[in-house]
Amino acid sequence: MFKGLGQLGDMAGMMKKAQDMQQRMADLQEEMHNIVVEGEAGAGMVKATCTAKGELKSLDIDPSIFNSEDKEVAEDLILAAVKDAQAKAQDRAQEEMGKISEEMGLPKDMKLPF
């Protein structure tokens, strides 16, 4: 289609790839709201679920941690579970972006902005 145009043909191909990548990134942004990861603390006594965007969706807390003497321990476990879920969400988001990067011929570990 672009034979005889020299570098312009390559430019058109690069522009098409850039548009494709932009669309894939937009689609991934929407999909991230549906990808769910779970973090935990205290050997599973506290579990936090969040989306790959880092939005906290739910907490599951074993009632045995609610001892008035151990209030600080319960708070620490909850915080640790939320942080674990958020870290896993960030890892999953980077993993999904890496898939798009590879498909576009870019290095998988290339950090693209969200």
N, C-alpha and C. Protein backbone atom coordinates (compact mmCIF):
# COMPACT_ATOMS: atom_id res chain seq x y z
N MET A 1 0.81 -1.20 0.00
CA MET A 1 0.00 0.00 0.00
C MET A 1 0.86 1.26 0.00
N PHE A 2 1.96 1.23 0.77
CA PHE A 2 2.80 2.41 0.88
C PHE A 2 4.12 2.23 0.13
N LYS A 3 4.17 1.33 -0.84
CA LYS A 3 5.40 1.11 -1.59
C LYS A 3 5.73 2.37 -2.36
N GLY A 4 7.00 2.66 -2.43
CA GLY A 4 7.44 3.82 -3.17
C GLY A 4 7.46 5.09 -2.34
N LEU A 5 6.97 5.02 -1.12
CA LEU A 5 6.96 6.21 -0.27
C LEU A 5 8.17 6.26 0.66
N GLY A 6 8.99 5.22 0.64
CA GLY A 6 10.20 5.21 1.46
C GLY A 6 9.87 5.30 2.94
N GLN A 7 10.45 6.25 3.62
CA GLN A 7 10.29 6.44 5.06
C GLN A 7 8.85 6.77 5.45
N LEU A 8 8.10 7.36 4.56
CA LEU A 8 6.70 7.70 4.88
C LEU A 8 5.88 6.44 5.14
N GLY A 9 6.15 5.37 4.41
CA GLY A 9 5.46 4.10 4.63
C GLY A 9 5.73 3.57 6.02
N ASP A 10 6.99 3.67 6.45
CA ASP A 10 7.34 3.24 7.80
C ASP A 10 6.67 4.11 8.85
N MET A 11 6.58 5.39 8.58
CA MET A 11 5.94 6.32 9.51
C MET A 11 4.46 5.98 9.66
N ALA A 12 3.81 5.65 8.55
CA ALA A 12 2.40 5.30 8.61
C ALA A 12 2.21 4.04 9.45
N GLY A 13 3.10 3.08 9.30
CA GLY A 13 3.02 1.86 10.09
C GLY A 13 3.23 2.14 11.56
N MET A 14 4.18 3.01 11.87
CA MET A 14 4.43 3.38 13.26
C MET A 14 3.23 4.10 13.87
N MET A 15 2.60 4.96 13.10
CA MET A 15 1.42 5.68 13.59
C MET A 15 0.28 4.71 13.87
N LYS A 16 0.11 3.72 13.00
CA LYS A 16 -0.94 2.71 13.19
C LYS A 16 -0.68 1.93 14.47
N LYS A 17 0.59 1.55 14.68
CA LYS A 17 0.95 0.82 15.90
C LYS A 17 0.69 1.67 17.14
N ALA A 18 1.02 2.96 17.05
CA ALA A 18 0.80 3.86 18.18
C ALA A 18 -0.69 3.97 18.49
N GLN A 19 -1.51 4.07 17.45
CA GLN A 19 -2.96 4.15 17.66
C GLN A 19 -3.49 2.85 18.26
N ASP A 20 -2.99 1.71 17.77
CA ASP A 20 -3.40 0.42 18.31
C ASP A 20 -3.04 0.32 19.79
N MET A 21 -1.82 0.76 20.12
CA MET A 21 -1.39 0.69 21.51
C MET A 21 -2.23 1.61 22.39
N GLN A 22 -2.54 2.78 21.89
CA GLN A 22 -3.37 3.71 22.65
C GLN A 22 -4.74 3.10 22.94
N GLN A 23 -5.32 2.43 21.97
CA GLN A 23 -6.62 1.79 22.16
C GLN A 23 -6.51 0.64 23.15
N ARG A 24 -5.45 -0.17 23.02
CA ARG A 24 -5.27 -1.29 23.94
C ARG A 24 -5.09 -0.80 25.37
N MET A 25 -4.35 0.31 25.54
CA MET A 25 -4.16 0.87 26.88
C MET A 25 -5.48 1.37 27.45
N ALA A 26 -6.30 2.00 26.62
CA ALA A 26 -7.61 2.48 27.07
C ALA A 26 -8.49 1.30 27.47
N ASP A 27 -8.45 0.23 26.67
CA ASP A 27 -9.22 -0.96 27.00
C ASP A 27 -8.74 -1.58 28.30
N LEU A 28 -7.43 -1.60 28.50
CA LEU A 28 -6.87 -2.17 29.72
C LEU A 28 -7.28 -1.35 30.94
N GLN A 29 -7.32 -0.04 30.78
CA GLN A 29 -7.75 0.82 31.89
C GLN A 29 -9.15 0.41 32.37
N GLU A 30 -10.03 0.14 31.45
CA GLU A 30 -11.39 -0.29 31.80
C GLU A 30 -11.38 -1.69 32.42
N GLU A 31 -10.58 -2.57 31.84
CA GLU A 31 -10.51 -3.94 32.32
C GLU A 31 -9.94 -4.02 33.74
N MET A 32 -9.07 -3.08 34.09
CA MET A 32 -8.44 -3.08 35.42
C MET A 32 -9.47 -2.97 36.54
N HIS A 33 -10.61 -2.39 36.25
CA HIS A 33 -11.66 -2.30 37.26
C HIS A 33 -12.29 -3.66 37.54
N ASN A 34 -12.11 -4.62 36.64
CA ASN A 34 -12.70 -5.95 36.79
C ASN A 34 -11.70 -7.00 37.23
N ILE A 35 -10.41 -6.70 37.16
CA ILE A 35 -9.39 -7.64 37.62
C ILE A 35 -9.28 -7.50 39.13
N VAL A 36 -9.45 -8.61 39.85
CA VAL A 36 -9.46 -8.57 41.31
C VAL A 36 -8.29 -9.38 41.86
N VAL A 37 -7.62 -8.83 42.86
CA VAL A 37 -6.54 -9.53 43.56
C VAL A 37 -6.84 -9.53 45.04
N GLU A 38 -6.21 -10.48 45.76
CA GLU A 38 -6.46 -10.57 47.20
C GLU A 38 -5.14 -10.56 47.95
N GLY A 39 -5.08 -9.73 48.97
CA GLY A 39 -3.92 -9.70 49.85
C GLY A 39 -4.34 -10.25 51.21
N GLU A 40 -3.37 -10.70 51.98
CA GLU A 40 -3.71 -11.23 53.30
C GLU A 40 -2.61 -10.97 54.30
N ALA A 41 -2.98 -11.10 55.55
CA ALA A 41 -2.04 -10.93 56.65
C ALA A 41 -2.46 -11.85 57.78
N GLY A 42 -1.53 -12.11 58.68
CA GLY A 42 -1.85 -12.95 59.83
C GLY A 42 -2.25 -14.36 59.43
N ALA A 43 -1.53 -14.95 58.48
CA ALA A 43 -1.82 -16.30 58.00
C ALA A 43 -3.26 -16.43 57.52
N GLY A 44 -3.73 -15.40 56.86
CA GLY A 44 -5.08 -15.43 56.28
C GLY A 44 -6.18 -14.98 57.22
N MET A 45 -5.83 -14.50 58.39
CA MET A 45 -6.86 -14.05 59.34
C MET A 45 -7.52 -12.76 58.85
N VAL A 46 -6.78 -11.98 58.07
CA VAL A 46 -7.33 -10.76 57.47
C VAL A 46 -7.03 -10.82 55.98
N LYS A 47 -8.10 -10.67 55.18
CA LYS A 47 -7.94 -10.69 53.73
C LYS A 47 -8.56 -9.42 53.17
N ALA A 48 -7.84 -8.81 52.24
CA ALA A 48 -8.32 -7.60 51.58
C ALA A 48 -8.39 -7.88 50.08
N THR A 49 -9.48 -7.48 49.46
CA THR A 49 -9.67 -7.66 48.02
C THR A 49 -9.74 -6.30 47.37
N CYS A 50 -8.99 -6.13 46.28
CA CYS A 50 -9.05 -4.86 45.56
C CYS A 50 -8.89 -5.12 44.07
N THR A 51 -9.23 -4.10 43.29
CA THR A 51 -9.10 -4.19 41.84
C THR A 51 -7.64 -3.94 41.46
N ALA A 52 -7.31 -4.22 40.21
CA ALA A 52 -5.95 -3.97 39.73
C ALA A 52 -5.66 -2.47 39.69
N LYS A 53 -6.68 -1.65 39.81
CA LYS A 53 -6.50 -0.20 39.90
C LYS A 53 -6.17 0.22 41.33
N GLY A 54 -6.23 -0.74 42.28
CA GLY A 54 -5.91 -0.45 43.67
C GLY A 54 -7.11 -0.05 44.52
N GLU A 55 -8.31 -0.15 43.96
CA GLU A 55 -9.53 0.22 44.69
C GLU A 55 -9.92 -0.92 45.63
N LEU A 56 -9.96 -0.64 46.93
CA LEU A 56 -10.33 -1.64 47.92
C LEU A 56 -11.80 -2.00 47.76
N LYS A 57 -12.08 -3.30 47.63
CA LYS A 57 -13.45 -3.76 47.42
C LYS A 57 -14.05 -4.42 48.65
N SER A 58 -13.23 -5.19 49.39
CA SER A 58 -13.78 -5.86 50.56
C SER A 58 -12.69 -6.25 51.53
N LEU A 59 -13.12 -6.47 52.76
CA LEU A 59 -12.25 -6.98 53.82
C LEU A 59 -12.93 -8.20 54.42
N ASP A 60 -12.15 -9.24 54.70
CA ASP A 60 -12.66 -10.43 55.37
C ASP A 60 -11.79 -10.60 56.61
N ILE A 61 -12.41 -10.45 57.77
CA ILE A 61 -11.65 -10.46 59.02
C ILE A 61 -12.14 -11.59 59.92
N ASP A 62 -11.22 -12.45 60.35
CA ASP A 62 -11.55 -13.52 61.28
C ASP A 62 -11.90 -12.87 62.62
N PRO A 63 -13.07 -13.17 63.16
CA PRO A 63 -13.50 -12.52 64.41
C PRO A 63 -12.57 -12.76 65.60
N SER A 64 -11.73 -13.77 65.54
CA SER A 64 -10.85 -14.07 66.67
C SER A 64 -9.81 -12.98 66.90
N ILE A 65 -9.59 -12.09 65.94
CA ILE A 65 -8.59 -11.04 66.14
C ILE A 65 -9.16 -9.87 66.93
N PHE A 66 -10.47 -9.88 67.17
CA PHE A 66 -11.09 -8.76 67.89
C PHE A 66 -11.08 -9.00 69.39
N ASN A 67 -9.94 -8.81 69.95
CA ASN A 67 -9.75 -8.89 71.39
C ASN A 67 -9.37 -7.48 71.82
N SER A 68 -10.08 -6.94 72.79
CA SER A 68 -9.85 -5.54 73.17
C SER A 68 -8.40 -5.28 73.59
N GLU A 69 -7.73 -6.31 74.08
CA GLU A 69 -6.33 -6.13 74.49
C GLU A 69 -5.40 -6.07 73.28
N ASP A 70 -5.85 -6.62 72.17
CA ASP A 70 -5.01 -6.69 70.97
C ASP A 70 -5.49 -5.78 69.86
N LYS A 71 -6.06 -4.64 70.23
CA LYS A 71 -6.59 -3.70 69.24
C LYS A 71 -5.53 -3.30 68.23
N GLU A 72 -4.34 -2.99 68.69
CA GLU A 72 -3.26 -2.57 67.79
C GLU A 72 -2.84 -3.69 66.84
N VAL A 73 -2.87 -4.92 67.31
CA VAL A 73 -2.52 -6.06 66.46
C VAL A 73 -3.55 -6.18 65.34
N ALA A 74 -4.83 -6.06 65.68
CA ALA A 74 -5.90 -6.14 64.67
C ALA A 74 -5.73 -5.03 63.63
N GLU A 75 -5.46 -3.83 64.09
CA GLU A 75 -5.27 -2.70 63.16
C GLU A 75 -4.07 -2.95 62.24
N ASP A 76 -2.98 -3.47 62.81
CA ASP A 76 -1.79 -3.75 62.01
C ASP A 76 -2.07 -4.83 60.97
N LEU A 77 -2.81 -5.86 61.34
CA LEU A 77 -3.14 -6.93 60.40
C LEU A 77 -4.01 -6.41 59.26
N ILE A 78 -4.97 -5.57 59.59
CA ILE A 78 -5.85 -4.99 58.56
C ILE A 78 -5.03 -4.14 57.60
N LEU A 79 -4.19 -3.29 58.14
CA LEU A 79 -3.35 -2.43 57.31
C LEU A 79 -2.41 -3.26 56.43
N ALA A 80 -1.82 -4.31 57.01
CA ALA A 80 -0.91 -5.17 56.25
C ALA A 80 -1.64 -5.87 55.10
N ALA A 81 -2.86 -6.34 55.34
CA ALA A 81 -3.62 -7.02 54.30
C ALA A 81 -3.97 -6.06 53.17
N VAL A 82 -4.35 -4.84 53.51
CA VAL A 82 -4.68 -3.83 52.49
C VAL A 82 -3.44 -3.50 51.67
N LYS A 83 -2.32 -3.30 52.32
CA LYS A 83 -1.08 -3.00 51.60
C LYS A 83 -0.67 -4.16 50.71
N ASP A 84 -0.84 -5.38 51.17
CA ASP A 84 -0.51 -6.55 50.38
C ASP A 84 -1.39 -6.61 49.12
N ALA A 85 -2.67 -6.35 49.29
CA ALA A 85 -3.59 -6.36 48.14
C ALA A 85 -3.22 -5.26 47.15
N GLN A 86 -2.88 -4.09 47.65
CA GLN A 86 -2.52 -2.98 46.76
C GLN A 86 -1.22 -3.28 46.01
N ALA A 87 -0.26 -3.90 46.66
CA ALA A 87 1.00 -4.26 46.01
C ALA A 87 0.74 -5.30 44.92
N LYS A 88 -0.12 -6.27 45.21
CA LYS A 88 -0.46 -7.28 44.22
C LYS A 88 -1.21 -6.66 43.05
N ALA A 89 -2.05 -5.67 43.34
CA ALA A 89 -2.78 -4.97 42.28
C ALA A 89 -1.81 -4.25 41.36
N GLN A 90 -0.83 -3.60 41.92
CA GLN A 90 0.16 -2.89 41.12
C GLN A 90 0.97 -3.86 40.27
N ASP A 91 1.35 -4.99 40.86
CA ASP A 91 2.09 -6.01 40.10
C ASP A 91 1.25 -6.54 38.95
N ARG A 92 -0.03 -6.78 39.21
CA ARG A 92 -0.90 -7.30 38.16
C ARG A 92 -1.08 -6.29 37.04
N ALA A 93 -1.21 -5.01 37.40
CA ALA A 93 -1.35 -3.96 36.40
C ALA A 93 -0.11 -3.91 35.51
N GLN A 94 1.08 -4.01 36.09
CA GLN A 94 2.31 -4.01 35.32
C GLN A 94 2.41 -5.26 34.43
N GLU A 95 1.95 -6.38 34.96
CA GLU A 95 1.96 -7.62 34.18
C GLU A 95 1.07 -7.48 32.94
N GLU A 96 -0.11 -6.92 33.12
CA GLU A 96 -1.04 -6.73 32.00
C GLU A 96 -0.47 -5.74 30.98
N MET A 97 0.16 -4.68 31.46
CA MET A 97 0.76 -3.71 30.56
C MET A 97 1.94 -4.33 29.82
N GLY A 98 2.67 -5.20 30.49
CA GLY A 98 3.79 -5.89 29.85
C GLY A 98 3.33 -6.74 28.67
N LYS A 99 2.16 -7.35 28.81
CA LYS A 99 1.61 -8.15 27.72
C LYS A 99 1.35 -7.27 26.50
N ILE A 100 0.78 -6.10 26.73
CA ILE A 100 0.51 -5.18 25.62
C ILE A 100 1.82 -4.72 25.00
N SER A 101 2.80 -4.39 25.82
CA SER A 101 4.10 -3.94 25.32
C SER A 101 4.72 -4.99 24.42
N GLU A 102 4.69 -6.24 24.87
CA GLU A 102 5.27 -7.33 24.07
C GLU A 102 4.56 -7.48 22.73
N GLU A 103 3.24 -7.41 22.76
CA GLU A 103 2.47 -7.54 21.53
C GLU A 103 2.82 -6.43 20.53
N MET A 104 3.20 -5.28 21.04
CA MET A 104 3.54 -4.16 20.17
C MET A 104 5.02 -4.14 19.79
N GLY A 105 5.77 -5.15 20.23
CA GLY A 105 7.18 -5.24 19.88
C GLY A 105 8.08 -4.42 20.77
N LEU A 106 7.57 -3.99 21.91
CA LEU A 106 8.36 -3.22 22.87
C LEU A 106 8.89 -4.16 23.95
N PRO A 107 9.93 -3.76 24.68
CA PRO A 107 10.41 -4.61 25.77
C PRO A 107 9.31 -4.80 26.82
N LYS A 108 9.16 -6.04 27.31
CA LYS A 108 8.11 -6.36 28.28
C LYS A 108 8.22 -5.54 29.56
N ASP A 109 9.46 -5.25 29.97
CA ASP A 109 9.65 -4.54 31.23
C ASP A 109 9.61 -3.02 31.08
N MET A 110 9.23 -2.54 29.92
CA MET A 110 9.13 -1.10 29.70
C MET A 110 7.98 -0.55 30.54
N LYS A 111 8.27 0.44 31.35
CA LYS A 111 7.28 1.01 32.25
C LYS A 111 6.48 2.08 31.50
N LEU A 112 5.24 1.76 31.21
CA LEU A 112 4.37 2.71 30.55
C LEU A 112 3.43 3.31 31.59
N PRO A 113 3.08 4.57 31.47
CA PRO A 113 2.23 5.21 32.48
C PRO A 113 0.79 4.73 32.39
N PHE A 114 0.12 4.78 33.54
CA PHE A 114 -1.30 4.49 33.62
C PHE A 114 -2.00 5.77 33.83
